[in-house]
Each structure stands twice: as structure tokens, then as C-alpha cells.
Amino acid sequence: MLSTIIFDLDDTLLWDKKSIQTAFEKTCAQVETLDAKQLEEAVRQEATRLYQSYPTYSFTQMIGINPFEGLWGTFEDQEPGFDAMNQLIASYQREAWINGLKACGLDNPTLGQELAHRFILERQQHPFVYQETYPVLDQLKDQFQLVLLTNGAPSLQNTKLAITPEIAKYFDHIIISGEVGVGKPDPKIFEFALKKANITPEQAIMIGDNLMTDILGSSRVGMKNIWINHHGQSVTEVTPTYEVTNLNDILPIIKNLTK
């Protein structure tokens, strides 16, 4: 019998992509002499290139931290693996913006530093939550044990929860990959979540937007899952148990599973 619902956080409950997009738009608009969209694309490219060049890249992939989270995180985490990130992150943030400006023909390190700082502030000031998030959680909170299972650095994921404080109160357990030492889709983090919730895979269902982390990982431990396919992606090598386009659409599926 279904007793527990496990939710992903980013782009499942929080609209993280919109928050990042808004931070880019507002930051790039500060440079009146450049096309804002061109600057955004240049910084995204430079950030990705830099991020992948660091010896920390394999760790960030394993934990599940993307380059654009790196542009506003501090990574002042006590868990193993974060020291190296903390030491290089300020330089990364600065260089991504300086190099982005250079790619657009503007060599101005001082401005690059200012934009790096501005981006952090803009991302913090623009947390977006899907309009369906709270109504759906309200309908489920009294019937099920709710678990939040998110990839990322504890410091950054907890910051996201701090600036959207309504979310955390719904959950019986909040599990962050950086605290566990391994991220989705590794079966170990799903097994950790099952043990924490004191359930079997058959008693849980995973809700998430990412085929290659949420859906693949939960499938590996024999757990049912619902893929929220926001953008009409094609299913390739990973097949979800259920597929929906909106968080609201999980409710009839869950109701049917509890009959």
C-alpha cells in the first residue's frame, strides 16, 4: 500500500530554471552598452566551460550541482568534498562574468566582479514556486508521509528552502545529496531515503522532472515514479511508470494507487 511520496525539489516544486533565467535577465540588463541576451548566452557558455575544467567537476556531477547553481552558491559546507569548491567558487563566479563580457567585446574586470555579485543578489531575491505546488502538497500532507529528496550542496539547497520557507514544513524528511555523499540516480541515496522513512520501495512513489536522476534512480530500487514532463521531451532510454505534464496531474494517479 502506498504510504510515502518522495518529491524532487528543483523544477518539480521550485521553478529553479525561471529563477536563474530572471537573475540573468536582471543582471545582464545592467550593461546598457551590450545586448542582454547576447551577454547571458556568453556568460552561460563561459560558466559551463570553466566549471567543467575544474578538478571538482566529477564531484559536482556526482552530487548534482550545475554550473548556474555555482554562480550563486557559497559551498560553505562541512561535508567531504566541498572544501575545494568553496576555495575556487568566488574566482569561478568572477571569471565567468569577466570572460562573458570579453566574449562580447568588453574587457572590464571591475564590471565583471560587480555583475557576479549582482547575480547572486538577483537569484536570492527571485525564488519562484509553481502555482500548483502548495495546493498539491496541501492535499497530500495529511494522507501520506512526504519526503523531499534533492541533489545539491546542503548550503545551497537549504538557502532555497529558506527563501521559500513554506515548503519545508510539509515534509517529514528532507534529504540532500551533499549530506549523503552521493546523488540521484545512484541507488544508494534512494536506499538511504527508504531507510530514513522506514518503508519498502513498494510503499513509495517518486515524483520528479528529471528522467536521468529522479526516474532512473527510483527505477533502480524498484520504486514506482511519476515523471513531470514540463517541456514535451521524448522518452528515450528511461521509461517512467507514469508521465504527466503538470504537478496537479499526479493527484488522480496517487488516488488510484491507494484504492
C-alpha atoms as a PDB file:
ATOM      1  CA  MET A   1       0.000   0.000   0.000  1.00  0.00           C
ATOM      2  CA  LEU A   2       1.311   3.448  -0.932  1.00  0.00           C
ATOM      3  CA  SER A   3       2.246   5.351   2.223  1.00  0.00           C
ATOM      4  CA  THR A   4       5.031   7.720   1.185  1.00  0.00           C
ATOM      5  CA  ILE A   5       5.506  10.243  -1.593  1.00  0.00           C
ATOM      6  CA  ILE A   6       9.036  11.343  -2.405  1.00  0.00           C
ATOM      7  CA  PHE A   7       9.429  14.667  -4.186  1.00  0.00           C
ATOM      8  CA  ASP A   8      12.315  16.196  -6.058  1.00  0.00           C
ATOM      9  CA  LEU A   9      12.796  19.923  -5.327  1.00  0.00           C
ATOM     10  CA  ASP A  10      14.278  21.844  -8.272  1.00  0.00           C
ATOM     11  CA  ASP A  11      11.919  22.252 -11.230  1.00  0.00           C
ATOM     12  CA  THR A  12       9.421  19.945  -9.560  1.00  0.00           C
ATOM     13  CA  LEU A  13       8.245  22.093  -6.626  1.00  0.00           C
ATOM     14  CA  LEU A  14      10.538  25.103  -7.071  1.00  0.00           C
ATOM     15  CA  TRP A  15      10.759  26.658 -10.533  1.00  0.00           C
ATOM     16  CA  ASP A  16      14.536  26.934 -10.382  1.00  0.00           C
ATOM     17  CA  LYS A  17      15.084  27.466 -14.107  1.00  0.00           C
ATOM     18  CA  LYS A  18      12.836  30.530 -14.032  1.00  0.00           C
ATOM     19  CA  SER A  19      14.714  31.907 -11.016  1.00  0.00           C
ATOM     20  CA  ILE A  20      18.049  31.506 -12.815  1.00  0.00           C
ATOM     21  CA  GLN A  21      16.640  32.994 -16.017  1.00  0.00           C
ATOM     22  CA  THR A  22      15.266  36.002 -14.152  1.00  0.00           C
ATOM     23  CA  ALA A  23      18.584  36.553 -12.355  1.00  0.00           C
ATOM     24  CA  PHE A  24      20.412  36.508 -15.692  1.00  0.00           C
ATOM     25  CA  GLU A  25      17.956  38.912 -17.308  1.00  0.00           C
ATOM     26  CA  LYS A  26      18.083  41.442 -14.491  1.00  0.00           C
ATOM     27  CA  THR A  27      21.865  41.232 -14.142  1.00  0.00           C
ATOM     28  CA  CYS A  28      22.642  41.463 -17.848  1.00  0.00           C
ATOM     29  CA  ALA A  29      20.265  44.417 -18.248  1.00  0.00           C
ATOM     30  CA  GLN A  30      22.693  46.442 -16.107  1.00  0.00           C
ATOM     31  CA  VAL A  31      25.132  46.610 -19.033  1.00  0.00           C
ATOM     32  CA  GLU A  32      23.418  49.108 -21.308  1.00  0.00           C
ATOM     33  CA  THR A  33      26.126  49.001 -23.973  1.00  0.00           C
ATOM     34  CA  LEU A  34      25.629  45.278 -24.674  1.00  0.00           C
ATOM     35  CA  ASP A  35      22.721  43.173 -25.851  1.00  0.00           C
ATOM     36  CA  ALA A  36      21.446  41.496 -22.670  1.00  0.00           C
ATOM     37  CA  LYS A  37      20.589  38.201 -24.341  1.00  0.00           C
ATOM     38  CA  GLN A  38      23.972  38.006 -26.040  1.00  0.00           C
ATOM     39  CA  LEU A  39      25.706  38.625 -22.717  1.00  0.00           C
ATOM     40  CA  GLU A  40      23.609  35.999 -20.986  1.00  0.00           C
ATOM     41  CA  GLU A  41      24.487  33.376 -23.591  1.00  0.00           C
ATOM     42  CA  ALA A  42      28.178  34.283 -23.379  1.00  0.00           C
ATOM     43  CA  VAL A  43      28.226  34.009 -19.574  1.00  0.00           C
ATOM     44  CA  ARG A  44      26.335  30.707 -19.673  1.00  0.00           C
ATOM     45  CA  GLN A  45      28.895  29.325 -22.119  1.00  0.00           C
ATOM     46  CA  GLU A  46      31.900  30.632 -20.207  1.00  0.00           C
ATOM     47  CA  ALA A  47      30.484  29.406 -16.895  1.00  0.00           C
ATOM     48  CA  THR A  48      29.913  25.922 -18.276  1.00  0.00           C
ATOM     49  CA  ARG A  49      33.369  25.771 -19.833  1.00  0.00           C
ATOM     50  CA  LEU A  50      35.079  26.924 -16.640  1.00  0.00           C
ATOM     51  CA  TYR A  51      33.000  24.659 -14.425  1.00  0.00           C
ATOM     52  CA  GLN A  52      33.889  21.606 -16.465  1.00  0.00           C
ATOM     53  CA  SER A  53      37.599  22.495 -16.395  1.00  0.00           C
ATOM     54  CA  TYR A  54      37.943  22.265 -12.603  1.00  0.00           C
ATOM     55  CA  PRO A  55      39.097  19.152 -10.732  1.00  0.00           C
ATOM     56  CA  THR A  56      35.863  19.443  -8.717  1.00  0.00           C
ATOM     57  CA  TYR A  57      33.716  18.727 -11.780  1.00  0.00           C
ATOM     58  CA  SER A  58      33.339  14.991 -11.239  1.00  0.00           C
ATOM     59  CA  PHE A  59      32.277  15.645  -7.639  1.00  0.00           C
ATOM     60  CA  THR A  60      29.697  18.222  -8.686  1.00  0.00           C
ATOM     61  CA  GLN A  61      28.294  15.806 -11.258  1.00  0.00           C
ATOM     62  CA  MET A  62      28.032  13.050  -8.675  1.00  0.00           C
ATOM     63  CA  ILE A  63      26.305  15.292  -6.111  1.00  0.00           C
ATOM     64  CA  GLY A  64      24.221  17.029  -8.765  1.00  0.00           C
ATOM     65  CA  ILE A  65      25.294  20.699  -8.772  1.00  0.00           C
ATOM     66  CA  ASN A  66      25.083  22.512 -12.095  1.00  0.00           C
ATOM     67  CA  PRO A  67      27.222  25.447 -13.314  1.00  0.00           C
ATOM     68  CA  PHE A  68      24.482  28.035 -12.761  1.00  0.00           C
ATOM     69  CA  GLU A  69      23.978  26.988  -9.153  1.00  0.00           C
ATOM     70  CA  GLY A  70      27.711  27.506  -8.868  1.00  0.00           C
ATOM     71  CA  LEU A  71      27.221  31.126  -9.935  1.00  0.00           C
ATOM     72  CA  TRP A  72      25.372  31.953  -6.707  1.00  0.00           C
ATOM     73  CA  GLY A  73      26.374  29.332  -4.130  1.00  0.00           C
ATOM     74  CA  THR A  74      28.982  29.684  -1.389  1.00  0.00           C
ATOM     75  CA  PHE A  75      29.547  25.974  -0.673  1.00  0.00           C
ATOM     76  CA  GLU A  76      30.483  26.621   2.941  1.00  0.00           C
ATOM     77  CA  ASP A  77      29.605  23.019   3.731  1.00  0.00           C
ATOM     78  CA  GLN A  78      31.217  20.758   6.295  1.00  0.00           C
ATOM     79  CA  GLU A  79      30.635  17.558   4.326  1.00  0.00           C
ATOM     80  CA  PRO A  80      33.556  15.910   2.471  1.00  0.00           C
ATOM     81  CA  GLY A  81      34.286  17.243  -0.990  1.00  0.00           C
ATOM     82  CA  PHE A  82      33.093  20.806  -0.543  1.00  0.00           C
ATOM     83  CA  ASP A  83      36.338  22.399   0.658  1.00  0.00           C
ATOM     84  CA  ALA A  84      37.792  22.535  -2.833  1.00  0.00           C
ATOM     85  CA  MET A  85      34.589  24.036  -4.226  1.00  0.00           C
ATOM     86  CA  ASN A  86      34.497  26.668  -1.521  1.00  0.00           C
ATOM     87  CA  GLN A  87      38.075  27.693  -2.298  1.00  0.00           C
ATOM     88  CA  LEU A  88      37.511  28.241  -6.019  1.00  0.00           C
ATOM     89  CA  ILE A  89      33.889  29.386  -6.156  1.00  0.00           C
ATOM     90  CA  ALA A  90      34.491  33.144  -5.788  1.00  0.00           C
ATOM     91  CA  SER A  91      37.074  33.044  -8.578  1.00  0.00           C
ATOM     92  CA  TYR A  92      34.720  30.966 -10.731  1.00  0.00           C
ATOM     93  CA  GLN A  93      31.855  33.401 -10.292  1.00  0.00           C
ATOM     94  CA  ARG A  94      34.067  36.375 -11.082  1.00  0.00           C
ATOM     95  CA  GLU A  95      35.815  34.798 -14.078  1.00  0.00           C
ATOM     96  CA  ALA A  96      32.585  33.556 -15.658  1.00  0.00           C
ATOM     97  CA  TRP A  97      31.270  37.111 -15.852  1.00  0.00           C
ATOM     98  CA  ILE A  98      34.597  38.694 -16.827  1.00  0.00           C
ATOM     99  CA  ASN A  99      35.056  36.140 -19.623  1.00  0.00           C
ATOM    100  CA  GLY A 100      31.440  36.565 -20.733  1.00  0.00           C
ATOM    101  CA  LEU A 101      31.977  40.303 -21.059  1.00  0.00           C
ATOM    102  CA  LYS A 102      35.202  39.702 -23.016  1.00  0.00           C
ATOM    103  CA  ALA A 103      33.364  37.368 -25.388  1.00  0.00           C
ATOM    104  CA  CYS A 104      31.019  40.280 -26.112  1.00  0.00           C
ATOM    105  CA  GLY A 105      33.945  42.651 -26.744  1.00  0.00           C
ATOM    106  CA  LEU A 106      34.078  44.356 -23.344  1.00  0.00           C
ATOM    107  CA  ASP A 107      37.235  43.892 -21.237  1.00  0.00           C
ATOM    108  CA  ASN A 108      36.228  45.202 -17.816  1.00  0.00           C
ATOM    109  CA  PRO A 109      37.190  43.035 -14.796  1.00  0.00           C
ATOM    110  CA  THR A 110      35.685  45.524 -12.332  1.00  0.00           C
ATOM    111  CA  LEU A 111      32.319  45.333 -14.045  1.00  0.00           C
ATOM    112  CA  GLY A 112      32.601  41.553 -14.184  1.00  0.00           C
ATOM    113  CA  GLN A 113      33.070  41.440 -10.412  1.00  0.00           C
ATOM    114  CA  GLU A 114      30.073  43.734  -9.914  1.00  0.00           C
ATOM    115  CA  LEU A 115      27.877  41.585 -12.148  1.00  0.00           C
ATOM    116  CA  ALA A 116      28.930  38.408 -10.349  1.00  0.00           C
ATOM    117  CA  HIS A 117      27.791  39.948  -7.065  1.00  0.00           C
ATOM    118  CA  ARG A 118      24.597  41.305  -8.631  1.00  0.00           C
ATOM    119  CA  PHE A 119      23.654  37.876  -9.992  1.00  0.00           C
ATOM    120  CA  ILE A 120      23.854  36.345  -6.521  1.00  0.00           C
ATOM    121  CA  LEU A 121      21.541  39.015  -5.122  1.00  0.00           C
ATOM    122  CA  GLU A 122      19.084  38.706  -8.000  1.00  0.00           C
ATOM    123  CA  ARG A 123      18.867  34.926  -7.656  1.00  0.00           C
ATOM    124  CA  GLN A 124      18.228  35.211  -3.927  1.00  0.00           C
ATOM    125  CA  GLN A 125      15.506  37.811  -4.494  1.00  0.00           C
ATOM    126  CA  HIS A 126      13.593  35.828  -7.114  1.00  0.00           C
ATOM    127  CA  PRO A 127      12.535  32.425  -5.832  1.00  0.00           C
ATOM    128  CA  PHE A 128       9.713  31.014  -7.941  1.00  0.00           C
ATOM    129  CA  VAL A 129       7.355  28.224  -6.926  1.00  0.00           C
ATOM    130  CA  TYR A 130       4.960  26.540  -9.349  1.00  0.00           C
ATOM    131  CA  GLN A 131       1.411  27.693  -8.684  1.00  0.00           C
ATOM    132  CA  GLU A 132       0.372  24.046  -8.260  1.00  0.00           C
ATOM    133  CA  THR A 133       2.958  23.273  -5.573  1.00  0.00           C
ATOM    134  CA  TYR A 134       1.156  24.345  -2.407  1.00  0.00           C
ATOM    135  CA  PRO A 135      -2.330  23.143  -3.419  1.00  0.00           C
ATOM    136  CA  VAL A 136      -0.940  19.699  -4.279  1.00  0.00           C
ATOM    137  CA  LEU A 137       1.088  19.438  -1.073  1.00  0.00           C
ATOM    138  CA  ASP A 138      -1.953  20.562   0.919  1.00  0.00           C
ATOM    139  CA  GLN A 139      -3.973  17.684  -0.500  1.00  0.00           C
ATOM    140  CA  LEU A 140      -1.305  15.100   0.298  1.00  0.00           C
ATOM    141  CA  LYS A 141       0.192  16.169   3.625  1.00  0.00           C
ATOM    142  CA  ASP A 142      -2.426  14.565   5.887  1.00  0.00           C
ATOM    143  CA  GLN A 143      -2.669  11.291   3.976  1.00  0.00           C
ATOM    144  CA  PHE A 144       0.959  10.446   3.295  1.00  0.00           C
ATOM    145  CA  GLN A 145       4.446  10.659   4.677  1.00  0.00           C
ATOM    146  CA  LEU A 146       6.197  13.246   2.500  1.00  0.00           C
ATOM    147  CA  VAL A 147       9.919  13.111   1.763  1.00  0.00           C
ATOM    148  CA  LEU A 148      11.989  15.726  -0.082  1.00  0.00           C
ATOM    149  CA  LEU A 149      14.909  14.173  -1.962  1.00  0.00           C
ATOM    150  CA  THR A 150      17.103  16.739  -3.687  1.00  0.00           C
ATOM    151  CA  ASN A 151      20.503  16.785  -5.340  1.00  0.00           C
ATOM    152  CA  GLY A 152      22.882  19.584  -4.406  1.00  0.00           C
ATOM    153  CA  ALA A 153      25.025  21.219  -1.755  1.00  0.00           C
ATOM    154  CA  PRO A 154      23.363  21.418   1.677  1.00  0.00           C
ATOM    155  CA  SER A 155      24.180  25.120   1.959  1.00  0.00           C
ATOM    156  CA  LEU A 156      22.587  25.942  -1.394  1.00  0.00           C
ATOM    157  CA  GLN A 157      19.536  23.698  -1.099  1.00  0.00           C
ATOM    158  CA  ASN A 158      18.867  24.981   2.410  1.00  0.00           C
ATOM    159  CA  THR A 159      19.145  28.544   1.109  1.00  0.00           C
ATOM    160  CA  LYS A 160      16.491  27.743  -1.495  1.00  0.00           C
ATOM    161  CA  LEU A 161      14.261  26.387   1.262  1.00  0.00           C
ATOM    162  CA  ALA A 162      14.969  29.397   3.477  1.00  0.00           C
ATOM    163  CA  ILE A 163      13.805  31.859   0.809  1.00  0.00           C
ATOM    164  CA  THR A 164      10.676  29.763   0.171  1.00  0.00           C
ATOM    165  CA  PRO A 165      10.000  28.875   3.821  1.00  0.00           C
ATOM    166  CA  GLU A 166       6.521  27.461   3.229  1.00  0.00           C
ATOM    167  CA  ILE A 167       7.853  24.326   1.523  1.00  0.00           C
ATOM    168  CA  ALA A 168       9.922  22.657   4.252  1.00  0.00           C
ATOM    169  CA  LYS A 169       7.055  22.413   6.743  1.00  0.00           C
ATOM    170  CA  TYR A 170       5.232  19.913   4.528  1.00  0.00           C
ATOM    171  CA  PHE A 171       7.981  17.315   4.749  1.00  0.00           C
ATOM    172  CA  ASP A 172       8.664  14.622   7.313  1.00  0.00           C
ATOM    173  CA  HIS A 173      12.195  14.180   5.982  1.00  0.00           C
ATOM    174  CA  ILE A 174      14.455  16.383   3.853  1.00  0.00           C
ATOM    175  CA  ILE A 175      17.379  14.573   2.243  1.00  0.00           C
ATOM    176  CA  ILE A 176      20.113  16.456   0.365  1.00  0.00           C
ATOM    177  CA  SER A 177      22.654  14.554  -1.711  1.00  0.00           C
ATOM    178  CA  GLY A 178      25.613  16.555  -0.403  1.00  0.00           C
ATOM    179  CA  GLU A 179      24.825  15.326   3.106  1.00  0.00           C
ATOM    180  CA  VAL A 180      24.566  11.713   1.996  1.00  0.00           C
ATOM    181  CA  GLY A 181      27.719  11.807  -0.134  1.00  0.00           C
ATOM    182  CA  VAL A 182      26.076  10.577  -3.312  1.00  0.00           C
ATOM    183  CA  GLY A 183      23.364  11.955  -5.590  1.00  0.00           C
ATOM    184  CA  LYS A 184      20.487  10.730  -7.725  1.00  0.00           C
ATOM    185  CA  PRO A 185      20.414   8.475  -9.748  1.00  0.00           C
ATOM    186  CA  ASP A 186      22.714   6.390  -7.553  1.00  0.00           C
ATOM    187  CA  PRO A 187      20.604   3.729  -5.821  1.00  0.00           C
ATOM    188  CA  LYS A 188      22.394   4.444  -2.537  1.00  0.00           C
ATOM    189  CA  ILE A 189      20.599   7.750  -1.978  1.00  0.00           C
ATOM    190  CA  PHE A 190      17.227   6.138  -2.676  1.00  0.00           C
ATOM    191  CA  GLU A 191      18.053   3.315  -0.284  1.00  0.00           C
ATOM    192  CA  PHE A 192      19.043   5.947   2.285  1.00  0.00           C
ATOM    193  CA  ALA A 193      15.697   7.684   1.806  1.00  0.00           C
ATOM    194  CA  LEU A 194      13.774   4.421   2.174  1.00  0.00           C
ATOM    195  CA  LYS A 195      15.615   3.595   5.382  1.00  0.00           C
ATOM    196  CA  LYS A 196      15.063   7.120   6.726  1.00  0.00           C
ATOM    197  CA  ALA A 197      11.340   6.869   6.012  1.00  0.00           C
ATOM    198  CA  ASN A 198      11.223   3.277   7.317  1.00  0.00           C
ATOM    199  CA  ILE A 199       9.489   1.933   4.216  1.00  0.00           C
ATOM    200  CA  THR A 200       9.966  -0.522   1.346  1.00  0.00           C
ATOM    201  CA  PRO A 201      10.161   0.543  -2.317  1.00  0.00           C
ATOM    202  CA  GLU A 202       6.631  -0.747  -2.841  1.00  0.00           C
ATOM    203  CA  GLN A 203       5.305   1.739  -0.284  1.00  0.00           C
ATOM    204  CA  ALA A 204       6.710   4.810  -2.070  1.00  0.00           C
ATOM    205  CA  ILE A 205       6.452   6.715  -5.323  1.00  0.00           C
ATOM    206  CA  MET A 206       8.999   9.228  -6.656  1.00  0.00           C
ATOM    207  CA  ILE A 207       7.841  12.493  -8.249  1.00  0.00           C
ATOM    208  CA  GLY A 208      10.373  14.402 -10.340  1.00  0.00           C
ATOM    209  CA  ASP A 209      11.110  16.295 -13.540  1.00  0.00           C
ATOM    210  CA  ASN A 210      14.416  14.651 -14.456  1.00  0.00           C
ATOM    211  CA  LEU A 211      14.416  11.337 -16.300  1.00  0.00           C
ATOM    212  CA  MET A 212      18.101  10.689 -15.728  1.00  0.00           C
ATOM    213  CA  THR A 213      18.110  11.321 -11.968  1.00  0.00           C
ATOM    214  CA  ASP A 214      14.660  11.050 -10.386  1.00  0.00           C
ATOM    215  CA  ILE A 215      13.147   8.446 -12.677  1.00  0.00           C
ATOM    216  CA  LEU A 216      16.228   6.356 -13.436  1.00  0.00           C
ATOM    217  CA  GLY A 217      17.319   6.262  -9.792  1.00  0.00           C
ATOM    218  CA  SER A 218      13.941   5.323  -8.357  1.00  0.00           C
ATOM    219  CA  SER A 219      13.528   2.635 -11.029  1.00  0.00           C
ATOM    220  CA  ARG A 220      16.834   1.120  -9.953  1.00  0.00           C
ATOM    221  CA  VAL A 221      15.480   0.354  -6.492  1.00  0.00           C
ATOM    222  CA  GLY A 222      12.126  -0.957  -7.701  1.00  0.00           C
ATOM    223  CA  MET A 223      10.125   2.157  -6.845  1.00  0.00           C
ATOM    224  CA  LYS A 224       7.235   3.474  -8.922  1.00  0.00           C
ATOM    225  CA  ASN A 225       7.674   7.000 -10.254  1.00  0.00           C
ATOM    226  CA  ILE A 226       5.884   9.863 -11.970  1.00  0.00           C
ATOM    227  CA  TRP A 227       7.800  11.945 -14.474  1.00  0.00           C
ATOM    228  CA  ILE A 228       6.669  15.562 -14.782  1.00  0.00           C
ATOM    229  CA  ASN A 229       7.465  16.222 -18.406  1.00  0.00           C
ATOM    230  CA  HIS A 230       7.168  20.007 -18.457  1.00  0.00           C
ATOM    231  CA  HIS A 231       8.514  20.511 -21.962  1.00  0.00           C
ATOM    232  CA  GLY A 232       7.243  17.592 -24.002  1.00  0.00           C
ATOM    233  CA  GLN A 233      10.538  15.736 -24.087  1.00  0.00           C
ATOM    234  CA  SER A 234      10.790  12.355 -25.761  1.00  0.00           C
ATOM    235  CA  VAL A 235      11.252   9.278 -23.603  1.00  0.00           C
ATOM    236  CA  THR A 236      14.475   7.590 -24.616  1.00  0.00           C
ATOM    237  CA  GLU A 237      16.386   5.028 -22.586  1.00  0.00           C
ATOM    238  CA  VAL A 238      14.450   5.557 -19.343  1.00  0.00           C
ATOM    239  CA  THR A 239      10.759   4.716 -19.112  1.00  0.00           C
ATOM    240  CA  PRO A 240       8.769   6.209 -16.219  1.00  0.00           C
ATOM    241  CA  THR A 241       5.933   4.332 -14.549  1.00  0.00           C
ATOM    242  CA  TYR A 242       3.682   7.324 -15.218  1.00  0.00           C
ATOM    243  CA  GLU A 243       4.120  10.532 -17.202  1.00  0.00           C
ATOM    244  CA  VAL A 244       2.313  13.848 -16.667  1.00  0.00           C
ATOM    245  CA  THR A 245       2.812  17.432 -17.803  1.00  0.00           C
ATOM    246  CA  ASN A 246       1.729  19.231 -14.639  1.00  0.00           C
ATOM    247  CA  LEU A 247       2.110  18.633 -10.912  1.00  0.00           C
ATOM    248  CA  ASN A 248      -1.687  18.636 -10.499  1.00  0.00           C
ATOM    249  CA  ASP A 249      -1.863  15.538 -12.671  1.00  0.00           C
ATOM    250  CA  ILE A 250      -0.158  13.374 -10.062  1.00  0.00           C
ATOM    251  CA  LEU A 251      -3.224  13.513  -7.798  1.00  0.00           C
ATOM    252  CA  PRO A 252      -5.521  11.128  -9.708  1.00  0.00           C
ATOM    253  CA  ILE A 253      -2.632   8.692 -10.138  1.00  0.00           C
ATOM    254  CA  ILE A 254      -1.928   8.682  -6.412  1.00  0.00           C
ATOM    255  CA  LYS A 255      -5.634   8.353  -5.615  1.00  0.00           C
ATOM    256  CA  ASN A 256      -5.868   5.337  -7.902  1.00  0.00           C
ATOM    257  CA  LEU A 257      -2.843   3.722  -6.248  1.00  0.00           C
ATOM    258  CA  THR A 258      -4.454   3.953  -2.823  1.00  0.00           C
ATOM    259  CA  LYS A 259      -7.753   2.297  -3.761  1.00  0.00           C
END
